[in-house]
Amino acid sequence: MKKLALILSCSATLVAPLAFAQTKWDLPTGYATYTFQTENVQQFADDVAKATGGKLKITVHAGASLYKMPEIKRAVQSGQTQAGEFILSAYSNENPLFGVDSIPFLATSYDAAQKLYAVAKPATEKLLADQGMKLLFSVPWPGQSLYSVKPMKTMDDFKGTKMRAYNPYTTKIAQMVKAQPVTIQLAELGQALATGAVDNFLTSSASGVDSKLFEQTKYFYIVNGWLPRNATVVNKKAFDALDKATQDAVVAAGKAAEERGWAASRAKDAGYIAELAKQGMTTGQPSTEIRDGLSKIGDTMVRDWLASAGPDGVAIIEAYKKK
């Protein structure tokens, strides 16, 4: 009997599933669950779980539910959360290189934006690494266009209006068109419009649909001023703590997410614009006066950015123009 018991015990040990320690990461984002950016981040998390056999589980916290948008970068940097997604240009006051993708009227198409990203990526990765973070992937929003509660026909129509700002560039644009800049995060924009705190703003077609901005605005002008990118990053210590196979799985999932995200952004832009029109907005190109006026503002802001960005910034712009 003792011999039988020993045999059964050994057999049970052989067929028992191998146990492993599961690593859990939190990944906060300021965008709603149904945005294509968040859907892409969630797919990334799912891909990592599948590739690692559940060894690394990443929980996505959408809609600023874990940290507010302005807090996410610092939370990752300090190790309060292992990973996070945020819009890079929000930190251009911290370092101008964070805002290269959002220089108005520098890169005004997906092809141009990809060229700019390619030449700027090494500097961006180094900047994040110096702050204790690793870039996993970066995906653009559709081009930033002009929404307004009233028709905008001339540059004078901006004067005295309340213009939403979400980074230093949009603040400066508001000032240059003689509007009053009002700093409001995307999640709060609908309420701000409902209370009359904002008259016009620049944001993507995606944000207009996802946040139902068509409920308070009536006019959408296809300006395509710039294609700002979100970045999904990981705390470097958290990444370094993973074994090599898991690190490779995270990097591979990040590469796939970047390719998938760019394709999704391209594909959805036209559909979003069509949906805005379907919801009753007047959509179309801006007047020649407004287009020319904004273009001149863009020329000024490119020069200003170059003056503040230093040698790294100059090198990026020179490489971009040669590409």
Protein backbone atom coordinates (compact mmCIF):
# COMPACT_ATOMS: atom_id res chain seq x y z
CA MET A 1 0.00 0.00 0.00
CA LYS A 2 2.82 2.36 0.86
CA LYS A 3 4.45 1.65 -2.52
CA LEU A 4 1.12 2.36 -4.32
CA ALA A 5 0.67 5.61 -2.43
CA LEU A 6 4.16 6.71 -3.41
CA ILE A 7 3.50 5.91 -7.08
CA LEU A 8 0.23 7.87 -7.05
CA SER A 9 1.93 10.81 -5.37
CA CYS A 10 4.67 10.93 -7.97
CA SER A 11 2.11 10.63 -10.80
CA ALA A 12 0.13 13.57 -9.41
CA THR A 13 3.30 15.66 -9.28
CA LEU A 14 4.12 14.88 -12.91
CA VAL A 15 0.70 15.90 -14.25
CA ALA A 16 0.24 18.97 -12.01
CA PRO A 17 0.29 22.23 -14.01
CA LEU A 18 3.47 24.23 -13.72
CA ALA A 19 2.90 27.20 -11.43
CA PHE A 20 4.30 30.62 -12.29
CA ALA A 21 4.28 34.01 -10.63
CA GLN A 22 1.96 36.33 -12.52
CA THR A 23 3.14 39.91 -12.96
CA LYS A 24 0.41 42.56 -12.99
CA TRP A 25 0.70 46.00 -14.53
CA ASP A 26 -1.73 48.91 -14.49
CA LEU A 27 -1.98 51.05 -17.62
CA PRO A 28 -4.03 54.24 -17.18
CA THR A 29 -5.19 56.36 -20.11
CA GLY A 30 -7.22 59.53 -20.17
CA TYR A 31 -9.36 58.45 -23.12
CA ALA A 32 -12.69 56.66 -23.12
CA THR A 33 -12.95 52.90 -23.62
CA TYR A 34 -14.60 53.21 -27.05
CA THR A 35 -11.97 55.48 -28.66
CA PHE A 36 -9.79 53.77 -31.26
CA GLN A 37 -6.71 54.72 -29.24
CA THR A 38 -7.97 52.94 -26.12
CA GLU A 39 -9.20 49.97 -28.15
CA ASN A 40 -5.70 49.70 -29.59
CA VAL A 41 -4.11 49.87 -26.12
CA GLN A 42 -6.51 47.18 -24.90
CA GLN A 43 -5.57 44.98 -27.86
CA PHE A 44 -1.93 45.48 -26.93
CA ALA A 45 -2.67 44.33 -23.37
CA ASP A 46 -4.57 41.30 -24.69
CA ASP A 47 -1.71 40.43 -27.05
CA VAL A 48 0.79 40.57 -24.21
CA ALA A 49 -1.34 38.28 -22.05
CA LYS A 50 -1.69 35.79 -24.91
CA ALA A 51 1.98 35.87 -25.90
CA THR A 52 3.14 35.33 -22.32
CA GLY A 53 0.56 32.69 -21.48
CA GLY A 54 -0.90 34.99 -18.84
CA LYS A 55 2.46 35.54 -17.16
CA LEU A 56 2.09 39.31 -17.62
CA LYS A 57 -1.37 40.79 -17.14
CA ILE A 58 -1.89 44.44 -18.05
CA THR A 59 -5.07 46.11 -16.82
CA VAL A 60 -6.11 49.14 -18.87
CA HIS A 61 -7.84 51.91 -16.87
CA ALA A 62 -9.67 54.08 -19.41
CA GLY A 63 -11.37 57.47 -19.11
CA ALA A 64 -8.96 58.93 -16.52
CA SER A 65 -10.41 56.48 -14.00
CA LEU A 66 -7.07 55.76 -12.30
CA TYR A 67 -5.19 59.01 -12.94
CA LYS A 68 -6.24 62.21 -14.66
CA MET A 69 -4.57 62.81 -18.00
CA PRO A 70 -1.99 65.37 -16.74
CA GLU A 71 -0.97 62.97 -13.94
CA ILE A 72 -0.28 59.85 -16.01
CA LYS A 73 3.24 60.61 -17.22
CA ARG A 74 4.44 61.49 -13.73
CA ALA A 75 2.76 58.37 -12.32
CA VAL A 76 4.70 56.16 -14.75
CA GLN A 77 7.91 58.11 -14.27
CA SER A 78 7.73 57.77 -10.49
CA GLY A 79 6.71 54.12 -10.55
CA GLN A 80 3.23 54.71 -9.10
CA THR A 81 1.94 52.81 -12.11
CA GLN A 82 3.92 50.50 -14.36
CA ALA A 83 2.69 51.81 -17.71
CA GLY A 84 0.48 54.53 -19.15
CA GLU A 85 -0.71 56.38 -22.23
CA PHE A 86 -0.69 60.14 -22.71
CA ILE A 87 -0.51 62.75 -25.45
CA LEU A 88 3.12 63.78 -25.93
CA SER A 89 2.57 67.43 -26.79
CA ALA A 90 1.05 68.09 -23.37
CA TYR A 91 4.64 68.09 -22.07
CA SER A 92 6.25 70.41 -24.62
CA ASN A 93 6.74 73.03 -21.90
CA GLU A 94 8.87 70.45 -20.11
CA ASN A 95 10.91 69.84 -23.26
CA PRO A 96 10.14 71.15 -26.77
CA LEU A 97 11.00 67.75 -28.30
CA PHE A 98 7.80 66.35 -26.77
CA GLY A 99 5.88 68.71 -29.04
CA VAL A 100 7.55 68.16 -32.40
CA ASP A 101 4.51 66.27 -33.71
CA SER A 102 2.25 69.19 -32.87
CA ILE A 103 4.07 72.06 -34.52
CA PRO A 104 1.19 73.63 -36.45
CA PHE A 105 1.22 73.11 -40.21
CA LEU A 106 4.57 71.33 -40.31
CA ALA A 107 3.29 67.80 -41.06
CA THR A 108 -0.29 67.93 -42.34
CA SER A 109 -0.88 64.40 -43.63
CA TYR A 110 -0.34 60.85 -42.40
CA ASP A 111 2.62 60.31 -44.74
CA ALA A 112 4.25 63.51 -43.56
CA ALA A 113 3.52 62.69 -39.92
CA GLN A 114 5.17 59.27 -40.29
CA LYS A 115 8.27 60.85 -41.79
CA LEU A 116 8.44 63.31 -38.91
CA TYR A 117 7.96 60.52 -36.36
CA ALA A 118 10.72 58.44 -37.94
CA VAL A 119 13.31 61.21 -37.67
CA ALA A 120 12.18 62.34 -34.20
CA LYS A 121 11.80 58.87 -32.62
CA PRO A 122 15.42 58.36 -31.49
CA ALA A 123 15.45 61.69 -29.66
CA THR A 124 12.05 60.99 -28.11
CA GLU A 125 13.14 57.55 -26.93
CA LYS A 126 16.30 59.00 -25.36
CA LEU A 127 14.34 61.76 -23.65
CA LEU A 128 11.91 59.28 -22.14
CA ALA A 129 14.73 56.92 -21.16
CA ASP A 130 16.49 59.74 -19.32
CA GLN A 131 13.28 60.10 -17.31
CA GLY A 132 13.12 56.40 -16.48
CA MET A 133 10.63 55.33 -19.15
CA LYS A 134 10.62 53.18 -22.26
CA LEU A 135 8.51 54.01 -25.33
CA LEU A 136 6.38 51.03 -26.36
CA PHE A 137 4.42 52.60 -29.21
CA SER A 138 3.08 55.91 -30.46
CA VAL A 139 -0.07 56.47 -32.53
CA PRO A 140 -1.45 59.71 -34.02
CA TRP A 141 -4.91 61.13 -33.82
CA PRO A 142 -6.45 62.28 -37.09
CA GLY A 143 -5.46 65.81 -38.05
CA GLN A 144 -6.54 68.60 -35.74
CA SER A 145 -9.36 70.59 -37.28
CA LEU A 146 -11.51 73.53 -36.24
CA TYR A 147 -14.83 73.14 -34.42
CA SER A 148 -17.04 76.12 -33.66
CA VAL A 149 -20.45 76.87 -32.25
CA LYS A 150 -20.76 79.70 -34.81
CA PRO A 151 -19.63 80.01 -38.45
CA MET A 152 -16.01 81.14 -38.90
CA LYS A 153 -15.39 83.04 -42.13
CA THR A 154 -12.60 85.48 -41.36
CA MET A 155 -9.70 85.70 -38.92
CA ASP A 156 -11.61 88.47 -37.14
CA ASP A 157 -14.23 85.89 -36.15
CA PHE A 158 -11.74 84.48 -33.63
CA LYS A 159 -11.34 87.77 -31.77
CA GLY A 160 -12.72 87.75 -28.25
CA THR A 161 -13.96 84.14 -28.43
CA LYS A 162 -13.14 81.52 -25.82
CA MET A 163 -10.85 78.97 -27.46
CA ARG A 164 -10.09 75.63 -25.80
CA ALA A 165 -6.38 74.89 -25.27
CA TYR A 166 -4.80 71.60 -24.26
CA ASN A 167 -1.08 72.26 -24.75
CA PRO A 168 1.29 75.23 -25.14
CA TYR A 169 0.79 75.30 -28.90
CA THR A 170 -2.99 75.58 -28.80
CA THR A 171 -2.64 78.21 -26.09
CA LYS A 172 -0.35 80.24 -28.34
CA ILE A 173 -2.63 79.83 -31.36
CA ALA A 174 -5.53 81.19 -29.29
CA GLN A 175 -3.43 84.16 -28.28
CA MET A 176 -2.26 84.83 -31.85
CA VAL A 177 -5.82 84.84 -33.21
CA LYS A 178 -6.75 87.16 -30.31
CA ALA A 179 -9.02 84.65 -28.62
CA GLN A 180 -9.06 83.81 -24.93
CA PRO A 181 -7.35 80.45 -24.28
CA VAL A 182 -9.23 78.16 -21.89
CA THR A 183 -7.37 75.07 -20.69
CA ILE A 184 -9.79 72.13 -20.69
CA GLN A 185 -9.09 68.40 -20.98
CA LEU A 186 -11.00 66.39 -23.58
CA ALA A 187 -13.05 64.52 -20.98
CA GLU A 188 -14.41 67.86 -19.71
CA LEU A 189 -14.96 69.53 -23.09
CA GLY A 190 -18.60 68.52 -23.56
CA GLN A 191 -19.57 70.06 -20.23
CA ALA A 192 -17.56 73.20 -21.01
CA LEU A 193 -19.44 73.61 -24.30
CA ALA A 194 -22.77 73.03 -22.61
CA THR A 195 -22.09 75.84 -20.12
CA GLY A 196 -20.72 78.27 -22.73
CA ALA A 197 -17.17 78.12 -21.39
CA VAL A 198 -15.81 77.41 -24.89
CA ASP A 199 -16.73 78.79 -28.34
CA ASN A 200 -14.26 77.02 -30.62
CA PHE A 201 -11.34 74.63 -30.53
CA LEU A 202 -8.95 72.46 -32.52
CA THR A 203 -9.23 68.71 -32.14
CA SER A 204 -9.57 65.60 -34.27
CA SER A 205 -12.57 64.19 -36.08
CA ALA A 206 -12.23 61.16 -33.80
CA SER A 207 -12.64 63.23 -30.66
CA GLY A 208 -15.66 64.95 -32.18
CA VAL A 209 -17.47 61.66 -32.65
CA ASP A 210 -16.24 59.81 -29.58
CA SER A 211 -17.04 62.68 -27.23
CA LYS A 212 -20.25 63.62 -29.09
CA LEU A 213 -19.03 67.18 -29.59
CA PHE A 214 -21.55 67.49 -32.41
CA GLU A 215 -24.20 67.94 -29.74
CA GLN A 216 -22.89 71.42 -28.88
CA THR A 217 -20.96 72.51 -32.00
CA LYS A 218 -22.37 73.08 -35.47
CA TYR A 219 -19.35 73.79 -37.68
CA PHE A 220 -16.35 71.61 -38.55
CA TYR A 221 -13.59 73.03 -40.75
CA ILE A 222 -11.01 70.56 -42.13
CA VAL A 223 -7.82 72.37 -41.18
CA ASN A 224 -5.59 69.30 -40.52
CA GLY A 225 -3.13 71.50 -38.68
CA TRP A 226 -1.10 68.65 -37.17
CA LEU A 227 -1.42 65.00 -36.17
CA PRO A 228 -0.58 64.78 -32.46
CA ARG A 229 0.57 61.42 -31.16
CA ASN A 230 -0.28 59.51 -28.02
CA ALA A 231 2.57 57.55 -26.47
CA THR A 232 2.24 54.34 -24.49
CA VAL A 233 5.21 53.97 -22.17
CA VAL A 234 6.41 51.68 -19.41
CA ASN A 235 8.45 52.43 -16.32
CA LYS A 236 11.95 51.22 -17.17
CA LYS A 237 12.48 49.46 -13.83
CA ALA A 238 9.23 47.55 -14.30
CA PHE A 239 10.27 46.54 -17.81
CA ASP A 240 13.79 45.56 -16.73
CA ALA A 241 12.31 43.34 -14.00
CA LEU A 242 10.73 41.10 -16.64
CA ASP A 243 12.51 38.05 -17.99
CA LYS A 244 13.88 38.29 -21.53
CA ALA A 245 11.08 36.29 -23.15
CA THR A 246 8.42 38.51 -21.57
CA GLN A 247 10.31 41.66 -22.55
CA ASP A 248 10.44 40.43 -26.14
CA ALA A 249 6.69 39.74 -26.06
CA VAL A 250 5.96 43.27 -24.81
CA VAL A 251 8.19 44.86 -27.47
CA ALA A 252 6.61 42.75 -30.23
CA ALA A 253 3.09 43.60 -29.06
CA GLY A 254 4.07 47.28 -28.98
CA LYS A 255 5.36 47.16 -32.55
CA ALA A 256 2.13 45.52 -33.70
CA ALA A 257 0.07 48.09 -31.80
CA GLU A 258 1.93 50.95 -33.48
CA GLU A 259 1.34 49.57 -36.98
CA ARG A 260 -2.28 48.74 -36.20
CA GLY A 261 -2.90 52.13 -34.59
CA TRP A 262 -1.57 54.16 -37.52
CA ALA A 263 -3.69 52.13 -39.93
CA ALA A 264 -6.77 52.55 -37.74
CA SER A 265 -6.26 56.30 -37.47
CA ARG A 266 -6.01 56.65 -41.25
CA ALA A 267 -9.06 54.47 -41.86
CA LYS A 268 -11.30 56.12 -39.33
CA ASP A 269 -10.68 59.78 -40.16
CA ALA A 270 -12.93 59.89 -43.24
CA GLY A 271 -15.61 57.90 -41.44
CA TYR A 272 -15.54 60.25 -38.47
CA ILE A 273 -15.95 63.31 -40.71
CA ALA A 274 -18.89 61.65 -42.47
CA GLU A 275 -20.44 60.89 -39.08
CA LEU A 276 -20.10 64.51 -37.96
CA ALA A 277 -22.02 65.56 -41.08
CA LYS A 278 -24.62 62.85 -40.45
CA GLN A 279 -25.11 64.24 -36.95
CA GLY A 280 -25.99 67.66 -38.37
CA MET A 281 -22.68 69.50 -38.43
CA THR A 282 -21.69 71.65 -41.38
CA THR A 283 -18.36 70.21 -42.56
CA GLY A 284 -15.92 71.37 -45.19
CA GLN A 285 -12.81 73.37 -45.97
CA PRO A 286 -12.15 76.68 -44.23
CA SER A 287 -12.20 79.96 -46.11
CA THR A 288 -9.03 80.99 -47.93
CA GLU A 289 -8.55 83.80 -45.44
CA ILE A 290 -8.66 81.47 -42.45
CA ARG A 291 -6.42 78.87 -44.11
CA ASP A 292 -3.83 81.50 -45.07
CA GLY A 293 -4.05 83.14 -41.66
CA LEU A 294 -3.48 79.90 -39.80
CA SER A 295 -0.65 78.96 -42.18
CA LYS A 296 1.17 82.20 -41.36
CA ILE A 297 0.74 81.46 -37.66
CA GLY A 298 2.24 78.04 -38.35
CA ASP A 299 5.32 79.55 -40.02
CA THR A 300 5.91 81.71 -36.97
CA MET A 301 5.50 78.78 -34.60
CA VAL A 302 7.95 76.57 -36.52
CA ARG A 303 10.57 79.31 -36.17
CA ASP A 304 9.77 79.73 -32.47
CA TRP A 305 10.02 75.97 -31.89
CA LEU A 306 13.40 75.80 -33.61
CA ALA A 307 14.67 78.62 -31.42
CA SER A 308 13.64 76.78 -28.25
CA ALA A 309 14.43 73.19 -29.23
CA GLY A 310 18.18 73.61 -29.65
CA PRO A 311 20.49 71.47 -31.81
CA ASP A 312 18.37 68.31 -31.46
CA GLY A 313 15.32 70.16 -32.75
CA VAL A 314 17.19 71.70 -35.65
CA ALA A 315 18.56 68.29 -36.60
CA ILE A 316 15.06 66.78 -36.58
CA ILE A 317 13.59 69.48 -38.83
CA GLU A 318 16.53 69.34 -41.24
CA ALA A 319 16.27 65.55 -41.46
CA TYR A 320 12.51 65.78 -41.95
CA LYS A 321 12.85 68.23 -44.84
CA LYS A 322 15.41 65.98 -46.54
CA LYS A 323 13.36 62.77 -46.10
